[in-house]
Structures are given as structure tokens and as C-alpha cells.
């Protein structure tokens, strides 16, 4: 399991040529918050399109580099086509409040976890209550419910089942890469 933010800033290299095609700037998702691909840094200030790599073209997310299948895997999308992303889309996953169906806020999304080789579903959320709380109590980890239909990943909040409050665990660095 890896943290999404660990990918930000990593170089993206083509496997057969070793060519550097960019660095990871963000990740984007579909309407069900399934990981669709990576957004790459663009050197142009007023870019009319985003450089992206679709997730099926990502071969490996290593500690130091992301390896992709070919130079042809780099495509362009209009910014309005990237509706949901971690940092930069119209709807941003980072800092979204996570609230139970009973109206209890569990924290805000600090990071997400996924299995890089077993599909693209988010498997857990790292939650924060703010800088001071992070220092005093640490961040919390919430496993994504096994039934995705019980979670509403909305534009302004993530709504989770009431049992989720009891399932919060301290983030233990030894349990996760990144």
C-alpha cells in the first residue's frame, strides 16, 4: 500500500528508452474516485492542456521513479476534463472533510492510500485535525469501507458510515511505505 502524495514530484521515465517525460504534479480520478492517471508538470505558464499519463500505462511506482510503458502514453487533456484530483482539479480530494452519516467530522483528508498493482480504488484515508492536533495526537487512518456504496465522495465532503468513527487508527509509519 502506498501514499498518493509520495508520488508527487517523482520523475516519470519511459521503460524502454529511459527518457524523462516529466514529473508527477497530481493524480486524477473519475466520478467514483477511481484513480485514472497522473498529471505531469507542465513548463508553460498558461497551458491550455494538461500532460497526463493514464493509470494503465503506469508500469511501476517505485520509491524514486514512476516507470511508464511508452512515450506515447503521455497524452493531453483539457483542464476542465480533470474534474476530480488530489490537488488541482475542480473538486480536490485533499482537505475534504470526512463526516459520518450522524454528522460527526472525523477530520480532513491529508493523504490517500492505494495498492498500486491491485486496481485503483482508494483503500484508506489519512485524516488530519490540523497542525497542532497532528503534533499532539498524530494523524488518523481510516480504512475505506469494503462496500463502496456506503461512502459518498461528494464535491464538498466525504460521507462515511457511523461505524467509521470507531475504526480510526493512529497512522503508524511502519505500516505503510512512504
N, C-alpha and C. Protein backbone atom coordinates (compact mmCIF):
# COMPACT_ATOMS: atom_id res chain seq x y z
N UNK A 1 0.85 -1.16 0.00
CA UNK A 1 0.00 0.00 0.00
C UNK A 1 0.91 1.23 0.00
N UNK A 2 0.58 2.21 -0.84
CA UNK A 2 1.40 3.42 -0.89
C UNK A 2 0.52 4.66 -0.74
N UNK A 3 1.17 5.73 -0.28
CA UNK A 3 0.50 7.01 -0.14
C UNK A 3 0.57 7.74 -1.48
N UNK A 4 -0.53 8.35 -1.83
CA UNK A 4 -0.57 9.08 -3.09
C UNK A 4 0.44 10.22 -3.11
N UNK A 5 0.55 10.97 -2.02
CA UNK A 5 1.45 12.12 -2.02
C UNK A 5 2.91 11.74 -2.22
N UNK A 6 3.24 10.47 -1.96
CA UNK A 6 4.61 10.02 -2.17
C UNK A 6 5.00 10.08 -3.64
N UNK A 7 4.00 10.04 -4.52
CA UNK A 7 4.26 10.08 -5.96
C UNK A 7 4.54 11.50 -6.47
N UNK A 8 4.00 12.50 -5.76
CA UNK A 8 4.14 13.88 -6.21
C UNK A 8 5.63 14.27 -6.25
N UNK A 9 6.04 14.79 -7.39
CA UNK A 9 7.42 15.22 -7.56
C UNK A 9 8.35 14.16 -8.12
N UNK A 10 7.88 12.91 -8.22
CA UNK A 10 8.75 11.86 -8.77
C UNK A 10 8.91 12.02 -10.29
N UNK A 11 10.09 11.72 -10.80
CA UNK A 11 10.28 11.74 -12.25
C UNK A 11 9.51 10.60 -12.91
N UNK A 12 9.03 10.82 -14.13
CA UNK A 12 8.32 9.81 -14.91
C UNK A 12 9.21 9.46 -16.09
N UNK A 13 9.58 8.17 -16.17
CA UNK A 13 10.55 7.71 -17.16
C UNK A 13 9.95 6.58 -18.00
N UNK A 14 10.26 6.59 -19.29
CA UNK A 14 9.81 5.56 -20.22
C UNK A 14 10.71 4.33 -20.07
N UNK A 15 10.10 3.16 -19.95
CA UNK A 15 10.85 1.94 -19.63
C UNK A 15 11.89 1.55 -20.68
N UNK A 16 11.57 1.64 -21.99
CA UNK A 16 12.48 1.12 -23.00
C UNK A 16 13.54 2.12 -23.45
N UNK A 17 13.29 3.42 -23.25
CA UNK A 17 14.27 4.42 -23.70
C UNK A 17 14.98 5.12 -22.54
N UNK A 18 14.38 5.06 -21.34
CA UNK A 18 14.95 5.77 -20.20
C UNK A 18 14.72 7.27 -20.28
N UNK A 19 13.86 7.71 -21.20
CA UNK A 19 13.61 9.14 -21.39
C UNK A 19 12.71 9.67 -20.27
N UNK A 20 13.11 10.83 -19.75
CA UNK A 20 12.32 11.54 -18.75
C UNK A 20 11.24 12.33 -19.48
N UNK A 21 9.96 12.06 -19.16
CA UNK A 21 8.86 12.75 -19.84
C UNK A 21 8.20 13.79 -18.95
N UNK A 22 8.61 13.87 -17.70
CA UNK A 22 8.05 14.87 -16.79
C UNK A 22 8.14 14.41 -15.35
N UNK A 23 7.54 15.19 -14.47
CA UNK A 23 7.44 14.81 -13.06
C UNK A 23 5.98 14.84 -12.66
N UNK A 24 5.64 14.03 -11.67
CA UNK A 24 4.25 13.93 -11.22
C UNK A 24 3.86 15.19 -10.46
N UNK A 25 2.77 15.81 -10.91
CA UNK A 25 2.24 17.02 -10.27
C UNK A 25 1.00 16.69 -9.44
N UNK A 26 0.21 15.72 -9.91
CA UNK A 26 -1.07 15.41 -9.27
C UNK A 26 -1.55 14.06 -9.78
N UNK A 27 -2.66 13.60 -9.23
CA UNK A 27 -3.34 12.39 -9.71
C UNK A 27 -4.80 12.77 -9.93
N UNK A 28 -5.43 12.17 -10.93
CA UNK A 28 -6.84 12.49 -11.18
C UNK A 28 -7.69 11.23 -11.13
N UNK A 29 -8.97 11.45 -10.83
CA UNK A 29 -9.92 10.39 -10.54
C UNK A 29 -11.18 10.53 -11.38
N UNK A 30 -11.94 9.44 -11.51
CA UNK A 30 -13.25 9.52 -12.16
C UNK A 30 -14.31 9.90 -11.13
N UNK A 31 -15.57 9.89 -11.54
CA UNK A 31 -16.65 10.31 -10.65
C UNK A 31 -16.85 9.37 -9.46
N UNK A 32 -16.28 8.17 -9.51
CA UNK A 32 -16.36 7.23 -8.39
C UNK A 32 -15.05 7.23 -7.58
N UNK A 33 -14.22 8.23 -7.82
CA UNK A 33 -12.92 8.38 -7.15
C UNK A 33 -12.01 7.19 -7.39
N UNK A 34 -12.13 6.58 -8.57
CA UNK A 34 -11.18 5.56 -9.01
C UNK A 34 -10.01 6.30 -9.66
N UNK A 35 -8.78 5.94 -9.32
CA UNK A 35 -7.60 6.58 -9.88
C UNK A 35 -7.56 6.35 -11.38
N UNK A 36 -7.50 7.42 -12.15
CA UNK A 36 -7.48 7.33 -13.61
C UNK A 36 -6.11 7.57 -14.20
N UNK A 37 -5.29 8.39 -13.52
CA UNK A 37 -3.97 8.66 -14.07
C UNK A 37 -3.23 9.72 -13.30
N UNK A 38 -2.08 10.09 -13.84
CA UNK A 38 -1.22 11.08 -13.21
C UNK A 38 -1.16 12.33 -14.09
N UNK A 39 -1.13 13.48 -13.45
CA UNK A 39 -0.94 14.76 -14.14
C UNK A 39 0.54 15.11 -14.00
N UNK A 40 1.16 15.50 -15.11
CA UNK A 40 2.58 15.82 -15.11
C UNK A 40 2.78 17.34 -15.08
N UNK A 41 3.92 17.75 -14.54
CA UNK A 41 4.28 19.18 -14.54
C UNK A 41 4.33 19.67 -15.98
N UNK A 42 3.87 20.90 -16.18
CA UNK A 42 3.93 21.50 -17.49
C UNK A 42 4.74 22.78 -17.39
N UNK A 43 5.76 22.95 -18.22
CA UNK A 43 6.61 24.12 -18.10
C UNK A 43 5.94 25.42 -18.55
N UNK A 44 4.82 25.33 -19.25
CA UNK A 44 4.15 26.53 -19.76
C UNK A 44 3.27 27.14 -18.68
N UNK A 45 3.33 28.47 -18.57
CA UNK A 45 2.56 29.17 -17.54
C UNK A 45 1.07 29.11 -17.80
N UNK A 46 0.65 29.34 -19.02
CA UNK A 46 -0.77 29.39 -19.33
C UNK A 46 -1.12 28.24 -20.28
N UNK A 47 -0.91 27.04 -19.80
CA UNK A 47 -1.16 25.87 -20.63
C UNK A 47 -2.66 25.70 -20.87
N UNK A 48 -3.01 25.39 -22.11
CA UNK A 48 -4.41 25.16 -22.45
C UNK A 48 -4.76 23.68 -22.30
N UNK A 49 -3.75 22.86 -22.04
CA UNK A 49 -4.00 21.44 -21.80
C UNK A 49 -3.03 20.93 -20.75
N UNK A 50 -3.39 19.80 -20.17
CA UNK A 50 -2.57 19.16 -19.14
C UNK A 50 -1.90 17.93 -19.74
N UNK A 51 -0.63 17.70 -19.39
CA UNK A 51 0.05 16.46 -19.77
C UNK A 51 -0.35 15.41 -18.74
N UNK A 52 -0.83 14.29 -19.23
CA UNK A 52 -1.27 13.22 -18.33
C UNK A 52 -0.71 11.88 -18.79
N UNK A 53 -0.70 10.93 -17.86
CA UNK A 53 -0.43 9.53 -18.17
C UNK A 53 -1.57 8.74 -17.55
N UNK A 54 -2.29 8.01 -18.36
CA UNK A 54 -3.41 7.20 -17.84
C UNK A 54 -2.84 6.06 -17.00
N UNK A 55 -3.58 5.70 -15.96
CA UNK A 55 -3.09 4.71 -14.99
C UNK A 55 -2.69 3.38 -15.62
N UNK A 56 -3.43 2.84 -16.61
CA UNK A 56 -3.00 1.56 -17.19
C UNK A 56 -1.61 1.61 -17.84
N UNK A 57 -1.13 2.82 -18.19
CA UNK A 57 0.20 2.96 -18.80
C UNK A 57 1.31 3.10 -17.76
N UNK A 58 0.95 3.18 -16.48
CA UNK A 58 1.94 3.25 -15.41
C UNK A 58 2.33 1.81 -15.07
N UNK A 59 3.60 1.48 -15.27
CA UNK A 59 4.07 0.12 -15.00
C UNK A 59 4.49 -0.07 -13.55
N UNK A 60 5.17 0.94 -12.99
CA UNK A 60 5.69 0.83 -11.64
C UNK A 60 5.71 2.19 -10.97
N UNK A 61 5.36 2.20 -9.70
CA UNK A 61 5.53 3.38 -8.85
C UNK A 61 6.60 3.01 -7.84
N UNK A 62 7.83 3.28 -8.19
CA UNK A 62 8.93 2.95 -7.30
C UNK A 62 9.15 4.03 -6.26
N UNK A 63 10.10 3.81 -5.38
CA UNK A 63 10.41 4.79 -4.34
C UNK A 63 10.93 6.09 -4.93
N UNK A 64 11.65 5.99 -6.05
CA UNK A 64 12.32 7.17 -6.60
C UNK A 64 11.83 7.58 -7.98
N UNK A 65 11.08 6.71 -8.67
CA UNK A 65 10.70 6.97 -10.05
C UNK A 65 9.39 6.28 -10.38
N UNK A 66 8.64 6.88 -11.29
CA UNK A 66 7.46 6.25 -11.88
C UNK A 66 7.87 5.80 -13.28
N UNK A 67 7.64 4.53 -13.60
CA UNK A 67 8.00 3.98 -14.91
C UNK A 67 6.73 3.80 -15.72
N UNK A 68 6.75 4.30 -16.98
CA UNK A 68 5.59 4.16 -17.86
C UNK A 68 5.95 3.32 -19.08
N UNK A 69 4.92 2.86 -19.80
CA UNK A 69 5.09 1.90 -20.88
C UNK A 69 5.75 2.47 -22.13
N UNK A 70 5.43 3.71 -22.49
CA UNK A 70 5.99 4.28 -23.72
C UNK A 70 5.83 5.79 -23.70
N UNK A 71 6.57 6.45 -24.59
CA UNK A 71 6.44 7.90 -24.71
C UNK A 71 5.04 8.26 -25.21
N UNK A 72 4.44 7.36 -25.99
CA UNK A 72 3.08 7.57 -26.48
C UNK A 72 2.02 7.53 -25.39
N UNK A 73 2.41 7.09 -24.20
CA UNK A 73 1.46 7.06 -23.08
C UNK A 73 1.17 8.46 -22.54
N UNK A 74 2.02 9.41 -22.87
CA UNK A 74 1.79 10.79 -22.43
C UNK A 74 0.77 11.41 -23.38
N UNK A 75 -0.33 11.87 -22.81
CA UNK A 75 -1.42 12.45 -23.60
C UNK A 75 -1.74 13.84 -23.05
N UNK A 76 -2.71 14.48 -23.66
CA UNK A 76 -3.15 15.81 -23.20
C UNK A 76 -4.64 15.80 -22.95
N UNK A 77 -5.04 16.48 -21.89
CA UNK A 77 -6.45 16.68 -21.57
C UNK A 77 -6.68 18.16 -21.31
N UNK A 78 -7.87 18.62 -21.56
CA UNK A 78 -8.22 19.99 -21.19
C UNK A 78 -8.40 20.03 -19.68
N UNK A 79 -8.01 21.12 -19.02
CA UNK A 79 -8.14 21.19 -17.56
C UNK A 79 -9.56 20.88 -17.06
N UNK A 80 -10.58 21.27 -17.82
CA UNK A 80 -11.96 21.01 -17.37
C UNK A 80 -12.33 19.53 -17.44
N UNK A 81 -11.51 18.72 -18.13
CA UNK A 81 -11.74 17.27 -18.19
C UNK A 81 -11.23 16.57 -16.93
N UNK A 82 -10.37 17.25 -16.17
CA UNK A 82 -9.86 16.70 -14.92
C UNK A 82 -10.71 17.27 -13.79
N UNK A 83 -11.88 16.67 -13.62
CA UNK A 83 -12.84 17.18 -12.64
C UNK A 83 -12.39 16.93 -11.21
N UNK A 84 -11.91 15.72 -10.94
CA UNK A 84 -11.54 15.33 -9.58
C UNK A 84 -10.06 14.98 -9.55
N UNK A 85 -9.35 15.62 -8.64
CA UNK A 85 -7.93 15.31 -8.49
C UNK A 85 -7.55 15.45 -7.03
N UNK A 86 -6.32 15.15 -6.73
CA UNK A 86 -5.88 15.28 -5.34
C UNK A 86 -5.64 16.73 -4.98
N UNK A 87 -4.92 17.48 -5.83
CA UNK A 87 -4.55 18.87 -5.53
C UNK A 87 -5.23 19.93 -6.38
N UNK A 88 -5.35 19.69 -7.70
CA UNK A 88 -5.58 20.79 -8.62
C UNK A 88 -6.88 20.77 -9.40
N UNK A 89 -7.69 19.76 -9.30
CA UNK A 89 -8.89 19.68 -10.12
C UNK A 89 -9.98 20.62 -9.65
N UNK A 90 -11.10 20.57 -10.31
CA UNK A 90 -12.26 21.37 -9.92
C UNK A 90 -12.72 20.93 -8.53
N UNK A 91 -12.74 19.61 -8.30
CA UNK A 91 -13.02 19.06 -6.97
C UNK A 91 -11.72 18.45 -6.47
N UNK A 92 -11.24 18.94 -5.35
CA UNK A 92 -9.96 18.48 -4.80
C UNK A 92 -10.19 17.54 -3.63
N UNK A 93 -9.56 16.39 -3.66
CA UNK A 93 -9.70 15.41 -2.58
C UNK A 93 -8.96 15.86 -1.32
N UNK A 94 -7.80 16.50 -1.49
CA UNK A 94 -7.04 16.95 -0.33
C UNK A 94 -7.85 18.00 0.44
N UNK A 95 -7.89 17.84 1.75
CA UNK A 95 -8.57 18.75 2.67
C UNK A 95 -10.10 18.63 2.68
N UNK A 96 -10.67 17.67 1.93
CA UNK A 96 -12.12 17.45 2.04
C UNK A 96 -12.44 16.94 3.44
N UNK A 97 -13.48 17.48 4.08
CA UNK A 97 -13.86 16.94 5.38
C UNK A 97 -14.46 15.54 5.23
N UNK A 98 -14.15 14.67 6.20
CA UNK A 98 -14.74 13.33 6.26
C UNK A 98 -15.72 13.36 7.42
N UNK A 99 -17.01 13.12 7.11
CA UNK A 99 -18.09 13.26 8.07
C UNK A 99 -18.89 11.97 8.11
N UNK A 100 -19.33 11.57 9.30
CA UNK A 100 -20.18 10.38 9.41
C UNK A 100 -21.61 10.75 9.05
N UNK A 101 -22.43 9.73 8.78
CA UNK A 101 -23.85 9.98 8.47
C UNK A 101 -24.57 10.60 9.67
N UNK A 102 -23.96 10.53 10.85
CA UNK A 102 -24.53 11.15 12.04
C UNK A 102 -24.06 12.60 12.22
N UNK A 103 -23.26 13.10 11.26
CA UNK A 103 -22.84 14.48 11.30
C UNK A 103 -21.61 14.75 12.14
N UNK A 104 -20.80 13.74 12.42
CA UNK A 104 -19.57 13.92 13.20
C UNK A 104 -18.39 14.00 12.24
N UNK A 105 -17.64 15.11 12.31
CA UNK A 105 -16.48 15.24 11.44
C UNK A 105 -15.31 14.49 12.04
N UNK A 106 -14.75 13.57 11.23
CA UNK A 106 -13.63 12.74 11.67
C UNK A 106 -12.28 13.40 11.40
N UNK A 107 -12.26 14.35 10.49
CA UNK A 107 -11.03 15.04 10.11
C UNK A 107 -11.11 15.45 8.66
N UNK A 108 -9.99 15.92 8.14
CA UNK A 108 -9.90 16.30 6.73
C UNK A 108 -8.87 15.40 6.06
N UNK A 109 -9.06 15.13 4.78
CA UNK A 109 -8.17 14.25 4.03
C UNK A 109 -6.79 14.90 3.92
N UNK A 110 -5.80 14.19 4.41
CA UNK A 110 -4.41 14.63 4.31
C UNK A 110 -3.70 13.85 3.19
N UNK A 111 -4.08 12.58 3.04
CA UNK A 111 -3.49 11.73 2.01
C UNK A 111 -4.42 10.55 1.79
N UNK A 112 -4.21 9.81 0.72
CA UNK A 112 -4.97 8.59 0.46
C UNK A 112 -4.00 7.46 0.17
N UNK A 113 -4.45 6.25 0.39
CA UNK A 113 -3.65 5.05 0.18
C UNK A 113 -4.31 4.18 -0.88
N UNK A 114 -3.48 3.51 -1.65
CA UNK A 114 -3.99 2.57 -2.63
C UNK A 114 -2.94 1.49 -2.87
N UNK A 115 -3.39 0.37 -3.45
CA UNK A 115 -2.48 -0.70 -3.84
C UNK A 115 -2.11 -0.46 -5.29
N UNK A 116 -0.86 -0.16 -5.59
CA UNK A 116 -0.51 0.22 -6.96
C UNK A 116 -0.67 -0.87 -8.00
N UNK A 117 -0.72 -2.13 -7.58
CA UNK A 117 -0.81 -3.20 -8.57
C UNK A 117 -2.11 -4.00 -8.46
N UNK A 118 -3.02 -3.57 -7.62
CA UNK A 118 -4.26 -4.33 -7.41
C UNK A 118 -5.48 -3.47 -7.67
N UNK A 119 -5.45 -2.69 -8.72
CA UNK A 119 -6.59 -1.84 -9.02
C UNK A 119 -6.35 -0.43 -8.55
N UNK A 120 -7.34 0.38 -8.70
CA UNK A 120 -7.14 1.81 -8.48
C UNK A 120 -8.08 2.38 -7.43
N UNK A 121 -8.72 1.54 -6.67
CA UNK A 121 -9.64 2.00 -5.65
C UNK A 121 -8.87 2.54 -4.44
N UNK A 122 -9.32 3.66 -3.91
CA UNK A 122 -8.74 4.18 -2.67
C UNK A 122 -9.06 3.18 -1.56
N UNK A 123 -8.04 2.76 -0.81
CA UNK A 123 -8.26 1.77 0.24
C UNK A 123 -8.22 2.36 1.64
N UNK A 124 -7.79 3.62 1.75
CA UNK A 124 -7.77 4.25 3.06
C UNK A 124 -7.48 5.73 2.95
N UNK A 125 -7.83 6.45 4.01
CA UNK A 125 -7.64 7.89 4.07
C UNK A 125 -6.79 8.24 5.29
N UNK A 126 -5.83 9.12 5.11
CA UNK A 126 -5.10 9.68 6.24
C UNK A 126 -5.80 10.99 6.57
N UNK A 127 -6.22 11.12 7.82
CA UNK A 127 -7.00 12.29 8.23
C UNK A 127 -6.21 13.17 9.17
N UNK A 128 -6.44 14.46 9.07
CA UNK A 128 -5.80 15.43 9.94
C UNK A 128 -6.87 16.29 10.61
N UNK A 129 -6.56 16.75 11.82
CA UNK A 129 -7.41 17.72 12.51
C UNK A 129 -6.70 19.06 12.59
N UNK A 130 -5.61 19.21 11.85
CA UNK A 130 -4.84 20.44 11.86
C UNK A 130 -3.45 20.22 12.41
N UNK A 131 -2.60 21.19 12.19
CA UNK A 131 -1.19 21.09 12.52
C UNK A 131 -0.95 20.78 14.01
N UNK A 132 -1.60 21.55 14.88
CA UNK A 132 -1.38 21.36 16.32
C UNK A 132 -1.85 19.98 16.76
N UNK A 133 -3.02 19.58 16.30
CA UNK A 133 -3.55 18.26 16.64
C UNK A 133 -2.64 17.15 16.11
N UNK A 134 -2.10 17.35 14.90
CA UNK A 134 -1.18 16.36 14.33
C UNK A 134 0.05 16.20 15.23
N UNK A 135 0.56 17.31 15.74
CA UNK A 135 1.73 17.25 16.63
C UNK A 135 1.40 16.58 17.95
N UNK A 136 0.25 16.91 18.50
CA UNK A 136 -0.14 16.41 19.82
C UNK A 136 -0.62 14.96 19.78
N UNK A 137 -1.49 14.66 18.82
CA UNK A 137 -2.15 13.35 18.79
C UNK A 137 -1.76 12.49 17.60
N UNK A 138 -1.18 13.11 16.57
CA UNK A 138 -0.87 12.38 15.35
C UNK A 138 -2.06 12.32 14.41
N UNK A 139 -1.80 11.94 13.21
CA UNK A 139 -2.87 11.79 12.22
C UNK A 139 -3.54 10.44 12.42
N UNK A 140 -4.74 10.33 11.87
CA UNK A 140 -5.52 9.10 11.96
C UNK A 140 -5.67 8.48 10.58
N UNK A 141 -5.82 7.17 10.57
CA UNK A 141 -6.03 6.43 9.34
C UNK A 141 -7.41 5.80 9.39
N UNK A 142 -8.16 5.97 8.31
CA UNK A 142 -9.49 5.38 8.19
C UNK A 142 -9.50 4.46 6.98
N UNK A 143 -9.70 3.19 7.23
CA UNK A 143 -9.82 2.22 6.14
C UNK A 143 -11.08 2.54 5.36
N UNK A 144 -10.99 2.53 4.05
CA UNK A 144 -12.17 2.75 3.23
C UNK A 144 -13.14 1.59 3.44
N UNK A 145 -14.43 1.87 3.66
CA UNK A 145 -15.39 0.78 3.84
C UNK A 145 -15.36 -0.20 2.67
N UNK A 146 -15.53 -1.48 2.97
CA UNK A 146 -15.45 -2.52 1.94
C UNK A 146 -16.57 -2.39 0.92
N UNK A 147 -17.70 -1.82 1.31
CA UNK A 147 -18.80 -1.60 0.37
C UNK A 147 -18.74 -0.15 -0.08
N UNK A 148 -18.25 0.11 -1.31
CA UNK A 148 -18.10 1.49 -1.76
C UNK A 148 -19.43 2.24 -1.83
N UNK A 149 -20.54 1.51 -1.87
CA UNK A 149 -21.85 2.18 -1.92
C UNK A 149 -22.21 2.85 -0.60
N UNK A 150 -21.48 2.55 0.47
CA UNK A 150 -21.77 3.17 1.77
C UNK A 150 -21.01 4.48 1.97
N UNK A 151 -20.20 4.87 0.98
CA UNK A 151 -19.41 6.10 1.06
C UNK A 151 -19.88 7.05 -0.04
N UNK A 152 -20.11 8.31 0.33
CA UNK A 152 -20.44 9.33 -0.65
C UNK A 152 -19.24 10.24 -0.77
N UNK A 153 -18.58 10.20 -1.91
CA UNK A 153 -17.45 11.07 -2.16
C UNK A 153 -17.99 12.28 -2.92
N UNK A 154 -18.43 13.27 -2.17
CA UNK A 154 -19.07 14.43 -2.76
C UNK A 154 -18.11 15.54 -3.12
N UNK A 155 -18.67 16.63 -3.61
CA UNK A 155 -17.87 17.78 -4.00
C UNK A 155 -17.30 18.52 -2.80
N UNK A 156 -18.05 18.54 -1.69
CA UNK A 156 -17.64 19.34 -0.54
C UNK A 156 -17.37 18.53 0.72
N UNK A 157 -17.63 17.23 0.69
CA UNK A 157 -17.39 16.38 1.85
C UNK A 157 -17.43 14.91 1.43
N UNK A 158 -16.81 14.08 2.26
CA UNK A 158 -16.91 12.63 2.12
C UNK A 158 -17.78 12.16 3.27
N UNK A 159 -18.86 11.47 2.96
CA UNK A 159 -19.78 10.97 3.98
C UNK A 159 -19.53 9.47 4.14
N UNK A 160 -19.26 9.04 5.40
CA UNK A 160 -18.95 7.64 5.68
C UNK A 160 -19.96 7.09 6.70
N UNK A 161 -20.05 5.76 6.81
CA UNK A 161 -20.98 5.17 7.79
C UNK A 161 -20.61 5.57 9.22
N UNK A 162 -21.57 5.51 10.10
CA UNK A 162 -21.38 5.88 11.51
C UNK A 162 -20.31 5.03 12.18
N UNK A 163 -20.17 3.79 11.81
CA UNK A 163 -19.19 2.92 12.45
C UNK A 163 -17.77 3.37 12.18
N UNK A 164 -17.57 4.22 11.21
CA UNK A 164 -16.22 4.64 10.84
C UNK A 164 -15.49 5.35 11.96
N UNK A 165 -16.20 6.07 12.82
CA UNK A 165 -15.54 6.79 13.90
C UNK A 165 -14.76 5.84 14.80
N UNK A 166 -15.33 4.67 15.06
CA UNK A 166 -14.67 3.68 15.92
C UNK A 166 -13.50 3.00 15.21
N UNK A 167 -13.46 3.11 13.90
CA UNK A 167 -12.43 2.42 13.13
C UNK A 167 -11.20 3.28 12.89
N UNK A 168 -11.16 4.49 13.41
CA UNK A 168 -9.98 5.34 13.23
C UNK A 168 -8.81 4.74 13.97
N UNK A 169 -7.66 4.72 13.30
CA UNK A 169 -6.44 4.18 13.91
C UNK A 169 -5.34 5.22 13.80
N UNK A 170 -4.38 5.20 14.69
CA UNK A 170 -3.23 6.09 14.54
C UNK A 170 -2.44 5.70 13.30
N UNK A 171 -1.90 6.70 12.60
CA UNK A 171 -1.05 6.41 11.45
C UNK A 171 0.28 5.90 11.99
N UNK A 172 0.65 4.72 11.58
CA UNK A 172 1.92 4.13 12.01
C UNK A 172 2.82 4.05 10.78
N UNK A 173 3.87 4.80 10.79
CA UNK A 173 4.76 4.87 9.63
C UNK A 173 5.27 3.49 9.21
N UNK A 174 5.39 2.59 10.19
CA UNK A 174 5.93 1.27 9.86
C UNK A 174 4.95 0.43 9.06
N UNK A 175 3.65 0.80 9.08
CA UNK A 175 2.66 0.02 8.35
C UNK A 175 2.59 0.36 6.87
N UNK A 176 3.13 1.51 6.48
CA UNK A 176 2.95 1.99 5.13
C UNK A 176 4.27 2.42 4.54
N UNK A 177 4.37 2.23 3.24
CA UNK A 177 5.53 2.77 2.52
C UNK A 177 5.24 4.24 2.26
N UNK A 178 6.22 5.06 2.42
CA UNK A 178 6.06 6.46 2.09
C UNK A 178 6.10 7.22 3.31
